[in-house]
Amino acid sequence: MTAALTAPADVTDRPAHRDGNVLRWLAAYTASMVGDSVYYIALSWAAVRAGTPAEAGLVMTASAVPRALRWGYRPLERSREWGSWAGE
């Protein structure tokens, strides 16, 4: 006996831009990205107000290190998988 997995017709006929789950994910992702941007702007503003520009630079550098480590190597991994950015 072979079992076939099929999705209900209402799920497969619905485009992604009308799917509630996709729209909720997109809203959450957008809110997260806006929050990250506001955080970095507020951090830089507070660092400049509290200290010298050099100290503000150190604060911003220190805050960027985790973000750089988390996202910095992904393009290199993708370029190895796909061959190049041009899709060769």
PDB file of N, CA and C in Angstrom:
ATOM      1  N   MET A   1       0.846  -1.175   0.000  1.00  0.00           N
ATOM      2  CA  MET A   1       0.000   0.000   0.000  1.00  0.00           C
ATOM      3  C   MET A   1       0.889   1.235   0.000  1.00  0.00           C
ATOM      4  N   THR A   2       0.647   2.129  -0.898  1.00  0.00           N
ATOM      5  CA  THR A   2       1.404   3.365  -1.011  1.00  0.00           C
ATOM      6  C   THR A   2       0.516   4.523  -0.585  1.00  0.00           C
ATOM      7  N   ALA A   3       1.064   5.351   0.289  1.00  0.00           N
ATOM      8  CA  ALA A   3       0.317   6.514   0.756  1.00  0.00           C
ATOM      9  C   ALA A   3       0.812   7.748   0.021  1.00  0.00           C
ATOM     10  N   ALA A   4      -0.099   8.501  -0.531  1.00  0.00           N
ATOM     11  CA  ALA A   4       0.254   9.731  -1.230  1.00  0.00           C
ATOM     12  C   ALA A   4      -0.150  10.917  -0.365  1.00  0.00           C
ATOM     13  N   LEU A   5       0.751  11.875  -0.270  1.00  0.00           N
ATOM     14  CA  LEU A   5       0.469  13.087   0.481  1.00  0.00           C
ATOM     15  C   LEU A   5      -0.042  14.158  -0.464  1.00  0.00           C
ATOM     16  N   THR A   6      -1.235  14.633  -0.209  1.00  0.00           N
ATOM     17  CA  THR A   6      -1.792  15.701  -1.021  1.00  0.00           C
ATOM     18  C   THR A   6      -2.308  16.792  -0.099  1.00  0.00           C
ATOM     19  N   ALA A   7      -2.174  18.010  -0.551  1.00  0.00           N
ATOM     20  CA  ALA A   7      -2.669  19.156   0.208  1.00  0.00           C
ATOM     21  C   ALA A   7      -4.124  19.409  -0.166  1.00  0.00           C
ATOM     22  N   PRO A   8      -4.889  19.948   0.755  1.00  0.00           N
ATOM     23  CA  PRO A   8      -6.276  20.303   0.410  1.00  0.00           C
ATOM     24  C   PRO A   8      -6.302  21.317  -0.726  1.00  0.00           C
ATOM     25  N   ALA A   9      -7.361  21.291  -1.510  1.00  0.00           N
ATOM     26  CA  ALA A   9      -7.455  22.159  -2.693  1.00  0.00           C
ATOM     27  C   ALA A   9      -7.416  23.635  -2.330  1.00  0.00           C
ATOM     28  N   ASP A  10      -8.020  24.007  -1.200  1.00  0.00           N
ATOM     29  CA  ASP A  10      -8.048  25.424  -0.839  1.00  0.00           C
ATOM     30  C   ASP A  10      -6.664  25.960  -0.482  1.00  0.00           C
ATOM     31  N   VAL A  11      -5.764  25.104  -0.053  1.00  0.00           N
ATOM     32  CA  VAL A  11      -4.407  25.533   0.293  1.00  0.00           C
ATOM     33  C   VAL A  11      -3.562  25.710  -0.964  1.00  0.00           C
ATOM     34  N   THR A  12      -3.679  24.819  -1.909  1.00  0.00           N
ATOM     35  CA  THR A  12      -2.841  24.891  -3.110  1.00  0.00           C
ATOM     36  C   THR A  12      -3.315  25.955  -4.085  1.00  0.00           C
ATOM     37  N   ASP A  13      -4.584  26.329  -4.042  1.00  0.00           N
ATOM     38  CA  ASP A  13      -5.092  27.324  -4.973  1.00  0.00           C
ATOM     39  C   ASP A  13      -4.876  28.756  -4.494  1.00  0.00           C
ATOM     40  N   ARG A  14      -4.470  28.941  -3.259  1.00  0.00           N
ATOM     41  CA  ARG A  14      -4.315  30.272  -2.684  1.00  0.00           C
ATOM     42  C   ARG A  14      -2.911  30.799  -2.959  1.00  0.00           C
ATOM     43  N   PRO A  15      -2.785  32.000  -3.570  1.00  0.00           N
ATOM     44  CA  PRO A  15      -1.445  32.562  -3.779  1.00  0.00           C
ATOM     45  C   PRO A  15      -0.819  32.977  -2.448  1.00  0.00           C
ATOM     46  N   ALA A  16       0.501  33.032  -2.418  1.00  0.00           N
ATOM     47  CA  ALA A  16       1.223  33.304  -1.170  1.00  0.00           C
ATOM     48  C   ALA A  16       0.882  34.673  -0.595  1.00  0.00           C
ATOM     49  N   HIS A  17       0.647  35.670  -1.433  1.00  0.00           N
ATOM     50  CA  HIS A  17       0.364  37.009  -0.913  1.00  0.00           C
ATOM     51  C   HIS A  17      -1.021  37.112  -0.281  1.00  0.00           C
ATOM     52  N   ARG A  18      -1.813  36.051  -0.364  1.00  0.00           N
ATOM     53  CA  ARG A  18      -3.123  36.044   0.297  1.00  0.00           C
ATOM     54  C   ARG A  18      -3.197  35.032   1.427  1.00  0.00           C
ATOM     55  N   ASP A  19      -2.122  34.344   1.679  1.00  0.00           N
ATOM     56  CA  ASP A  19      -2.082  33.356   2.756  1.00  0.00           C
ATOM     57  C   ASP A  19      -1.867  34.071   4.086  1.00  0.00           C
ATOM     58  N   GLY A  20      -2.723  33.803   5.048  1.00  0.00           N
ATOM     59  CA  GLY A  20      -2.640  34.459   6.349  1.00  0.00           C
ATOM     60  C   GLY A  20      -1.342  34.182   7.079  1.00  0.00           C
ATOM     61  N   ASN A  21      -0.847  32.964   6.984  1.00  0.00           N
ATOM     62  CA  ASN A  21       0.419  32.632   7.647  1.00  0.00           C
ATOM     63  C   ASN A  21       1.577  33.411   7.048  1.00  0.00           C
ATOM     64  N   VAL A  22       1.600  33.552   5.746  1.00  0.00           N
ATOM     65  CA  VAL A  22       2.664  34.305   5.079  1.00  0.00           C
ATOM     66  C   VAL A  22       2.583  35.775   5.476  1.00  0.00           C
ATOM     67  N   LEU A  23       1.381  36.317   5.510  1.00  0.00           N
ATOM     68  CA  LEU A  23       1.221  37.727   5.872  1.00  0.00           C
ATOM     69  C   LEU A  23       1.602  37.975   7.320  1.00  0.00           C
ATOM     70  N   ARG A  24       1.273  37.059   8.223  1.00  0.00           N
ATOM     71  CA  ARG A  24       1.683  37.218   9.622  1.00  0.00           C
ATOM     72  C   ARG A  24       3.195  37.138   9.756  1.00  0.00           C
ATOM     73  N   TRP A  25       3.816  36.191   9.036  1.00  0.00           N
ATOM     74  CA  TRP A  25       5.269  36.084   9.076  1.00  0.00           C
ATOM     75  C   TRP A  25       5.906  37.359   8.522  1.00  0.00           C
ATOM     76  N   LEU A  26       5.384  37.882   7.436  1.00  0.00           N
ATOM     77  CA  LEU A  26       5.934  39.090   6.836  1.00  0.00           C
ATOM     78  C   LEU A  26       5.805  40.285   7.775  1.00  0.00           C
ATOM     79  N   ALA A  27       4.673  40.400   8.457  1.00  0.00           N
ATOM     80  CA  ALA A  27       4.485  41.488   9.412  1.00  0.00           C
ATOM     81  C   ALA A  27       5.462  41.363  10.580  1.00  0.00           C
ATOM     82  N   ALA A  28       5.638  40.152  11.088  1.00  0.00           N
ATOM     83  CA  ALA A  28       6.566  39.942  12.200  1.00  0.00           C
ATOM     84  C   ALA A  28       8.005  40.215  11.766  1.00  0.00           C
ATOM     85  N   TYR A  29       8.380  39.770  10.590  1.00  0.00           N
ATOM     86  CA  TYR A  29       9.734  40.002  10.081  1.00  0.00           C
ATOM     87  C   TYR A  29       9.988  41.498   9.885  1.00  0.00           C
ATOM     88  N   THR A  30       9.004  42.202   9.325  1.00  0.00           N
ATOM     89  CA  THR A  30       9.139  43.648   9.125  1.00  0.00           C
ATOM     90  C   THR A  30       9.280  44.373  10.454  1.00  0.00           C
ATOM     91  N   ALA A  31       8.460  43.990  11.437  1.00  0.00           N
ATOM     92  CA  ALA A  31       8.556  44.617  12.757  1.00  0.00           C
ATOM     93  C   ALA A  31       9.914  44.342  13.388  1.00  0.00           C
ATOM     94  N   SER A  32      10.439  43.150  13.201  1.00  0.00           N
ATOM     95  CA  SER A  32      11.746  42.816  13.749  1.00  0.00           C
ATOM     96  C   SER A  32      12.852  43.637  13.100  1.00  0.00           C
ATOM     97  N   MET A  33      12.809  43.789  11.785  1.00  0.00           N
ATOM     98  CA  MET A  33      13.828  44.576  11.084  1.00  0.00           C
ATOM     99  C   MET A  33      13.745  46.050  11.460  1.00  0.00           C
ATOM    100  N   VAL A  34      12.530  46.582  11.591  1.00  0.00           N
ATOM    101  CA  VAL A  34      12.369  47.976  12.007  1.00  0.00           C
ATOM    102  C   VAL A  34      12.899  48.150  13.426  1.00  0.00           C
ATOM    103  N   GLY A  35      12.608  47.192  14.301  1.00  0.00           N
ATOM    104  CA  GLY A  35      13.105  47.252  15.671  1.00  0.00           C
ATOM    105  C   GLY A  35      14.619  47.225  15.739  1.00  0.00           C
ATOM    106  N   ASP A  36      15.244  46.383  14.922  1.00  0.00           N
ATOM    107  CA  ASP A  36      16.707  46.341  14.881  1.00  0.00           C
ATOM    108  C   ASP A  36      17.279  47.686  14.434  1.00  0.00           C
ATOM    109  N   SER A  37      16.668  48.279  13.428  1.00  0.00           N
ATOM    110  CA  SER A  37      17.152  49.572  12.931  1.00  0.00           C
ATOM    111  C   SER A  37      16.989  50.663  13.979  1.00  0.00           C
ATOM    112  N   VAL A  38      15.848  50.693  14.634  1.00  0.00           N
ATOM    113  CA  VAL A  38      15.614  51.693  15.673  1.00  0.00           C
ATOM    114  C   VAL A  38      16.600  51.501  16.818  1.00  0.00           C
ATOM    115  N   TYR A  39      16.893  50.251  17.164  1.00  0.00           N
ATOM    116  CA  TYR A  39      17.851  49.974  18.231  1.00  0.00           C
ATOM    117  C   TYR A  39      19.222  50.558  17.892  1.00  0.00           C
ATOM    118  N   TYR A  40      19.711  50.323  16.678  1.00  0.00           N
ATOM    119  CA  TYR A  40      21.039  50.823  16.309  1.00  0.00           C
ATOM    120  C   TYR A  40      21.069  52.343  16.222  1.00  0.00           C
ATOM    121  N   ILE A  41      19.997  52.941  15.748  1.00  0.00           N
ATOM    122  CA  ILE A  41      19.946  54.408  15.705  1.00  0.00           C
ATOM    123  C   ILE A  41      19.932  54.978  17.118  1.00  0.00           C
ATOM    124  N   ALA A  42      19.101  54.393  17.996  1.00  0.00           N
ATOM    125  CA  ALA A  42      19.037  54.875  19.381  1.00  0.00           C
ATOM    126  C   ALA A  42      20.361  54.656  20.107  1.00  0.00           C
ATOM    127  N   LEU A  43      21.005  53.517  19.851  1.00  0.00           N
ATOM    128  CA  LEU A  43      22.292  53.244  20.491  1.00  0.00           C
ATOM    129  C   LEU A  43      23.345  54.252  20.043  1.00  0.00           C
ATOM    130  N   SER A  44      23.401  54.534  18.757  1.00  0.00           N
ATOM    131  CA  SER A  44      24.394  55.499  18.278  1.00  0.00           C
ATOM    132  C   SER A  44      24.095  56.899  18.804  1.00  0.00           C
ATOM    133  N   TRP A  45      22.838  57.282  18.845  1.00  0.00           N
ATOM    134  CA  TRP A  45      22.466  58.596  19.361  1.00  0.00           C
ATOM    135  C   TRP A  45      22.853  58.720  20.829  1.00  0.00           C
ATOM    136  N   ALA A  46      22.546  57.686  21.633  1.00  0.00           N
ATOM    137  CA  ALA A  46      22.881  57.723  23.058  1.00  0.00           C
ATOM    138  C   ALA A  46      24.392  57.721  23.268  1.00  0.00           C
ATOM    139  N   ALA A  47      25.125  56.979  22.442  1.00  0.00           N
ATOM    140  CA  ALA A  47      26.584  56.928  22.588  1.00  0.00           C
ATOM    141  C   ALA A  47      27.217  58.283  22.271  1.00  0.00           C
ATOM    142  N   VAL A  48      26.720  58.961  21.252  1.00  0.00           N
ATOM    143  CA  VAL A  48      27.258  60.275  20.901  1.00  0.00           C
ATOM    144  C   VAL A  48      26.921  61.292  21.988  1.00  0.00           C
ATOM    145  N   ARG A  49      25.721  61.220  22.545  1.00  0.00           N
ATOM    146  CA  ARG A  49      25.317  62.169  23.585  1.00  0.00           C
ATOM    147  C   ARG A  49      26.082  61.936  24.883  1.00  0.00           C
ATOM    148  N   ALA A  50      26.458  60.696  25.173  1.00  0.00           N
ATOM    149  CA  ALA A  50      27.095  60.376  26.450  1.00  0.00           C
ATOM    150  C   ALA A  50      28.615  60.512  26.417  1.00  0.00           C
ATOM    151  N   GLY A  51      29.219  60.425  25.237  1.00  0.00           N
ATOM    152  CA  GLY A  51      30.677  60.451  25.189  1.00  0.00           C
ATOM    153  C   GLY A  51      31.193  61.142  23.954  1.00  0.00           C
ATOM    154  N   THR A  52      32.448  60.903  23.680  1.00  0.00           N
ATOM    155  CA  THR A  52      33.091  61.494  22.514  1.00  0.00           C
ATOM    156  C   THR A  52      32.740  60.689  21.261  1.00  0.00           C
ATOM    157  N   PRO A  53      32.983  61.260  20.099  1.00  0.00           N
ATOM    158  CA  PRO A  53      32.737  60.490  18.872  1.00  0.00           C
ATOM    159  C   PRO A  53      33.565  59.201  18.803  1.00  0.00           C
ATOM    160  N   ALA A  54      34.780  59.220  19.346  1.00  0.00           N
ATOM    161  CA  ALA A  54      35.606  58.005  19.343  1.00  0.00           C
ATOM    162  C   ALA A  54      34.972  56.922  20.211  1.00  0.00           C
ATOM    163  N   GLU A  55      34.449  57.318  21.355  1.00  0.00           N
ATOM    164  CA  GLU A  55      33.776  56.346  22.224  1.00  0.00           C
ATOM    165  C   GLU A  55      32.499  55.822  21.566  1.00  0.00           C
ATOM    166  N   ALA A  56      31.797  56.691  20.864  1.00  0.00           N
ATOM    167  CA  ALA A  56      30.609  56.251  20.144  1.00  0.00           C
ATOM    168  C   ALA A  56      30.981  55.236  19.060  1.00  0.00           C
ATOM    169  N   GLY A  57      32.096  55.465  18.397  1.00  0.00           N
ATOM    170  CA  GLY A  57      32.571  54.504  17.403  1.00  0.00           C
ATOM    171  C   GLY A  57      32.893  53.163  18.004  1.00  0.00           C
ATOM    172  N   LEU A  58      33.500  53.170  19.192  1.00  0.00           N
ATOM    173  CA  LEU A  58      33.793  51.904  19.874  1.00  0.00           C
ATOM    174  C   LEU A  58      32.518  51.172  20.274  1.00  0.00           C
ATOM    175  N   VAL A  59      31.543  51.917  20.755  1.00  0.00           N
ATOM    176  CA  VAL A  59      30.264  51.304  21.127  1.00  0.00           C
ATOM    177  C   VAL A  59      29.594  50.692  19.907  1.00  0.00           C
ATOM    178  N   MET A  60      29.573  51.408  18.804  1.00  0.00           N
ATOM    179  CA  MET A  60      28.934  50.886  17.592  1.00  0.00           C
ATOM    180  C   MET A  60      29.693  49.701  17.019  1.00  0.00           C
ATOM    181  N   THR A  61      31.014  49.732  17.118  1.00  0.00           N
ATOM    182  CA  THR A  61      31.804  48.587  16.660  1.00  0.00           C
ATOM    183  C   THR A  61      31.510  47.358  17.498  1.00  0.00           C
ATOM    184  N   ALA A  62      31.470  47.549  18.813  1.00  0.00           N
ATOM    185  CA  ALA A  62      31.185  46.424  19.704  1.00  0.00           C
ATOM    186  C   ALA A  62      29.777  45.875  19.481  1.00  0.00           C
ATOM    187  N   SER A  63      28.829  46.742  19.175  1.00  0.00           N
ATOM    188  CA  SER A  63      27.466  46.261  18.950  1.00  0.00           C
ATOM    189  C   SER A  63      27.314  45.586  17.590  1.00  0.00           C
ATOM    190  N   ALA A  64      28.193  45.886  16.651  1.00  0.00           N
ATOM    191  CA  ALA A  64      28.103  45.293  15.317  1.00  0.00           C
ATOM    192  C   ALA A  64      28.791  43.936  15.219  1.00  0.00           C
ATOM    193  N   VAL A  65      29.656  43.603  16.155  1.00  0.00           N
ATOM    194  CA  VAL A  65      30.404  42.341  16.076  1.00  0.00           C
ATOM    195  C   VAL A  65      29.475  41.126  16.066  1.00  0.00           C
ATOM    196  N   PRO A  66      28.520  40.992  16.988  1.00  0.00           N
ATOM    197  CA  PRO A  66      27.645  39.810  16.929  1.00  0.00           C
ATOM    198  C   PRO A  66      26.842  39.728  15.633  1.00  0.00           C
ATOM    199  N   ARG A  67      26.394  40.867  15.149  1.00  0.00           N
ATOM    200  CA  ARG A  67      25.640  40.877  13.896  1.00  0.00           C
ATOM    201  C   ARG A  67      26.531  40.459  12.726  1.00  0.00           C
ATOM    202  N   ALA A  68      27.764  40.922  12.716  1.00  0.00           N
ATOM    203  CA  ALA A  68      28.694  40.556  11.643  1.00  0.00           C
ATOM    204  C   ALA A  68      29.041  39.072  11.692  1.00  0.00           C
ATOM    205  N   LEU A  69      29.203  38.545  12.882  1.00  0.00           N
ATOM    206  CA  LEU A  69      29.518  37.121  12.999  1.00  0.00           C
ATOM    207  C   LEU A  69      28.347  36.252  12.596  1.00  0.00           C
ATOM    208  N   ARG A  70      27.146  36.717  12.890  1.00  0.00           N
ATOM    209  CA  ARG A  70      25.959  35.936  12.556  1.00  0.00           C
ATOM    210  C   ARG A  70      25.688  35.955  11.066  1.00  0.00           C
ATOM    211  N   TRP A  71      25.855  37.078  10.372  1.00  0.00           N
ATOM    212  CA  TRP A  71      25.486  37.202   8.972  1.00  0.00           C
ATOM    213  C   TRP A  71      26.672  37.311   8.020  1.00  0.00           C
ATOM    214  N   GLY A  72      27.869  37.510   8.522  1.00  0.00           N
ATOM    215  CA  GLY A  72      28.998  37.818   7.662  1.00  0.00           C
ATOM    216  C   GLY A  72      29.437  36.734   6.718  1.00  0.00           C
ATOM    217  N   TYR A  73      29.298  35.475   7.076  1.00  0.00           N
ATOM    218  CA  TYR A  73      29.847  34.400   6.264  1.00  0.00           C
ATOM    219  C   TYR A  73      28.821  33.747   5.354  1.00  0.00           C
ATOM    220  N   ARG A  74      27.597  34.125   5.411  1.00  0.00           N
ATOM    221  CA  ARG A  74      26.561  33.493   4.603  1.00  0.00           C
ATOM    222  C   ARG A  74      26.750  33.696   3.103  1.00  0.00           C
ATOM    223  N   PRO A  75      27.102  34.885   2.623  1.00  0.00           N
ATOM    224  CA  PRO A  75      27.299  35.013   1.174  1.00  0.00           C
ATOM    225  C   PRO A  75      28.417  34.111   0.655  1.00  0.00           C
ATOM    226  N   LEU A  76      29.449  33.908   1.468  1.00  0.00           N
ATOM    227  CA  LEU A  76      30.523  33.017   1.034  1.00  0.00           C
ATOM    228  C   LEU A  76      30.026  31.591   0.916  1.00  0.00           C
ATOM    229  N   GLU A  77      29.202  31.143   1.850  1.00  0.00           N
ATOM    230  CA  GLU A  77      28.660  29.794   1.783  1.00  0.00           C
ATOM    231  C   GLU A  77      27.769  29.636   0.552  1.00  0.00           C
ATOM    232  N   ARG A  78      26.947  30.638   0.276  1.00  0.00           N
ATOM    233  CA  ARG A  78      26.053  30.557  -0.879  1.00  0.00           C
ATOM    234  C   ARG A  78      26.824  30.572  -2.183  1.00  0.00           C
ATOM    235  N   SER A  79      27.896  31.357  -2.250  1.00  0.00           N
ATOM    236  CA  SER A  79      28.644  31.405  -3.497  1.00  0.00           C
ATOM    237  C   SER A  79      29.335  30.076  -3.760  1.00  0.00           C
ATOM    238  N   ARG A  80      29.711  29.366  -2.707  1.00  0.00           N
ATOM    239  CA  ARG A  80      30.306  28.038  -2.907  1.00  0.00           C
ATOM    240  C   ARG A  80      29.257  27.036  -3.376  1.00  0.00           C
ATOM    241  N   GLU A  81      28.033  27.144  -2.837  1.00  0.00           N
ATOM    242  CA  GLU A  81      26.979  26.216  -3.221  1.00  0.00           C
ATOM    243  C   GLU A  81      26.518  26.456  -4.649  1.00  0.00           C
ATOM    244  N   TRP A  82      26.330  27.706  -5.030  1.00  0.00           N
ATOM    245  CA  TRP A  82      25.733  28.025  -6.314  1.00  0.00           C
ATOM    246  C   TRP A  82      26.752  28.301  -7.425  1.00  0.00           C
ATOM    247  N   GLY A  83      28.021  28.366  -7.085  1.00  0.00           N
ATOM    248  CA  GLY A  83      29.045  28.619  -8.089  1.00  0.00           C
ATOM    249  C   GLY A  83      29.387  30.076  -8.237  1.00  0.00           C
ATOM    250  N   SER A  84      28.395  30.943  -8.378  1.00  0.00           N
ATOM    251  CA  SER A  84      28.632  32.377  -8.460  1.00  0.00           C
ATOM    252  C   SER A  84      27.302  33.085  -8.278  1.00  0.00           C
ATOM    253  N   TRP A  85      27.368  34.406  -8.157  1.00  0.00           N
ATOM    254  CA  TRP A  85      26.135  35.186  -8.005  1.00  0.00           C
ATOM    255  C   TRP A  85      25.400  35.275  -9.336  1.00  0.00           C
ATOM    256  N   ALA A  86      26.099  35.067 -10.441  1.00  0.00           N
ATOM    257  CA  ALA A  86      25.450  35.184 -11.758  1.00  0.00           C
ATOM    258  C   ALA A  86      24.640  33.953 -12.111  1.00  0.00           C
ATOM    259  N   GLY A  87      24.712  32.918 -11.300  1.00  0.00           N
ATOM    260  CA  GLY A  87      23.924  31.721 -11.540  1.00  0.00           C
ATOM    261  C   GLY A  87      24.553  30.784 -12.548  1.00  0.00           C
ATOM    262  N   GLU A  88      25.867  30.809 -12.641  1.00  0.00           N
ATOM    263  CA  GLU A  88      26.555  29.941 -13.606  1.00  0.00           C
ATOM    264  C   GLU A  88      26.495  28.500 -13.146  1.00  0.00           C
TER     265      GLU A  88
END
